Amino acid sequence: MNKRPTSKLVYSGTELRLEFYQSSEGSVPAEEWLDDQKAKVQQKFATLFAWIGDHGKIFNERKFKHLTGSDPIFEFKVDDGRVLCFFFSVGDWF
C-alpha cells in the first residue's frame, strides 16, 4: 500500500483540488519559493491555480503544459518562473 504524501491545500475548485507537497518537517518548498517572488508573479500563479481548479484544463501552453519526455510531469509557467505538478486521484494512494 502506498502512503499518501503530506500536502497543503492551495486551491479547491469545482473541477480540481490543488495541493503543495509538504515535507515531514512541515516545510512547503513550492509555497516558500512563491513567497519569494514579486507580488505580480504570485498573483499570476494564483490566477492559473484558480483557473485549472475551476475549469480542469489550461489550453495555453505558454502558461501550462506537459513536459515532453516525462510521463506525469506538467508545469505552470509565469514569466521566468515554473511550478512543476502532476495529477493523481485520491484512489491512487489507497
Protein backbone atom coordinates (compact mmCIF):
# COMPACT_ATOMS: atom_id res chain seq x y z
CA MET A 1 0.00 0.00 0.00
CA ASN A 2 1.31 3.44 -0.95
CA LYS A 3 1.37 6.09 1.73
CA ARG A 4 -0.12 9.37 0.59
CA PRO A 5 2.38 12.24 0.82
CA THR A 6 1.57 15.10 3.14
CA SER A 7 0.25 18.18 1.37
CA LYS A 8 -1.07 21.68 1.94
CA LEU A 9 -4.23 22.88 0.23
CA VAL A 10 -3.60 25.65 -2.29
CA TYR A 11 -6.97 25.88 -4.02
CA SER A 12 -10.12 23.77 -4.03
CA GLY A 13 -12.01 24.33 -7.25
CA THR A 14 -15.11 22.89 -8.84
CA GLU A 15 -13.01 20.57 -11.04
CA LEU A 16 -9.69 20.02 -9.28
CA ARG A 17 -8.09 20.41 -5.87
CA LEU A 18 -4.56 21.83 -5.89
CA GLU A 19 -2.14 20.91 -3.14
CA PHE A 20 1.55 21.60 -2.50
CA TYR A 21 3.85 18.87 -1.24
CA GLN A 22 4.69 19.28 2.45
CA SER A 23 7.80 17.64 3.88
CA SER A 24 7.68 15.54 7.03
CA GLU A 25 9.31 18.51 8.81
CA GLY A 26 6.44 20.77 7.70
CA SER A 27 8.17 22.84 5.02
CA VAL A 28 6.30 23.54 1.77
CA PRO A 29 9.03 24.23 -0.83
CA ALA A 30 6.75 25.49 -3.62
CA GLU A 31 5.00 27.89 -1.25
CA GLU A 32 8.32 29.13 0.10
CA TRP A 33 9.55 29.74 -3.46
CA LEU A 34 6.34 31.58 -4.39
CA ASP A 35 6.59 33.73 -1.26
CA ASP A 36 9.97 34.96 -2.52
CA GLN A 37 8.52 36.08 -5.86
CA LYS A 38 7.21 39.54 -6.69
CA ALA A 39 3.54 40.17 -5.89
CA LYS A 40 2.71 40.35 -9.63
CA VAL A 41 4.18 36.87 -10.22
CA GLN A 42 2.39 35.48 -7.15
CA GLN A 43 -0.91 36.84 -8.47
CA LYS A 44 -0.35 35.31 -11.91
CA PHE A 45 0.30 31.89 -10.39
CA ALA A 46 -2.78 32.26 -8.14
CA THR A 47 -4.86 33.05 -11.23
CA LEU A 48 -3.57 29.94 -13.02
CA PHE A 49 -4.19 27.75 -9.98
CA ALA A 50 -7.76 29.05 -9.70
CA TRP A 51 -8.40 28.61 -13.42
CA ILE A 52 -7.28 24.99 -13.54
CA GLY A 53 -9.08 24.27 -10.27
CA ASP A 54 -12.35 25.63 -11.61
CA HIS A 55 -12.07 24.57 -15.27
CA GLY A 56 -9.83 21.48 -15.18
CA LYS A 57 -7.66 22.49 -18.14
CA ILE A 58 -5.47 25.34 -19.31
CA PHE A 59 -5.14 25.28 -23.10
CA ASN A 60 -2.45 27.97 -23.34
CA GLU A 61 0.86 26.05 -23.40
CA ARG A 62 2.76 29.24 -22.61
CA LYS A 63 1.10 29.08 -19.17
CA PHE A 64 0.67 25.33 -18.57
CA LYS A 65 1.97 22.30 -20.40
CA HIS A 66 3.02 18.67 -20.21
CA LEU A 67 6.82 18.35 -20.10
CA THR A 68 8.00 16.42 -23.13
CA GLY A 69 9.70 13.17 -22.22
CA SER A 70 8.14 13.00 -18.77
CA ASP A 71 5.10 10.85 -18.35
CA PRO A 72 3.43 12.51 -15.37
CA ILE A 73 5.03 15.95 -15.01
CA PHE A 74 3.43 19.23 -16.04
CA GLU A 75 4.43 22.83 -15.38
CA PHE A 76 2.71 26.10 -14.61
CA LYS A 77 4.68 28.94 -16.25
CA VAL A 78 4.71 32.62 -15.33
CA ASP A 79 7.40 34.88 -16.74
CA ASP A 80 10.66 33.03 -15.93
CA GLY A 81 9.14 31.07 -13.04
CA ARG A 82 7.99 27.46 -13.13
CA VAL A 83 6.00 25.33 -10.70
CA LEU A 84 6.05 21.62 -11.53
CA CYS A 85 3.00 19.47 -10.88
CA PHE A 86 1.36 16.14 -11.54
CA PHE A 87 -2.16 14.76 -11.31
CA PHE A 88 -3.47 11.93 -9.17
CA SER A 89 -6.77 10.78 -7.79
CA VAL A 90 -7.21 10.02 -4.11
CA GLY A 91 -7.88 6.40 -5.04
CA ASP A 92 -4.30 6.14 -6.42
CA TRP A 93 -2.95 6.32 -2.86
CA PHE A 94 -5.20 3.81 -1.12
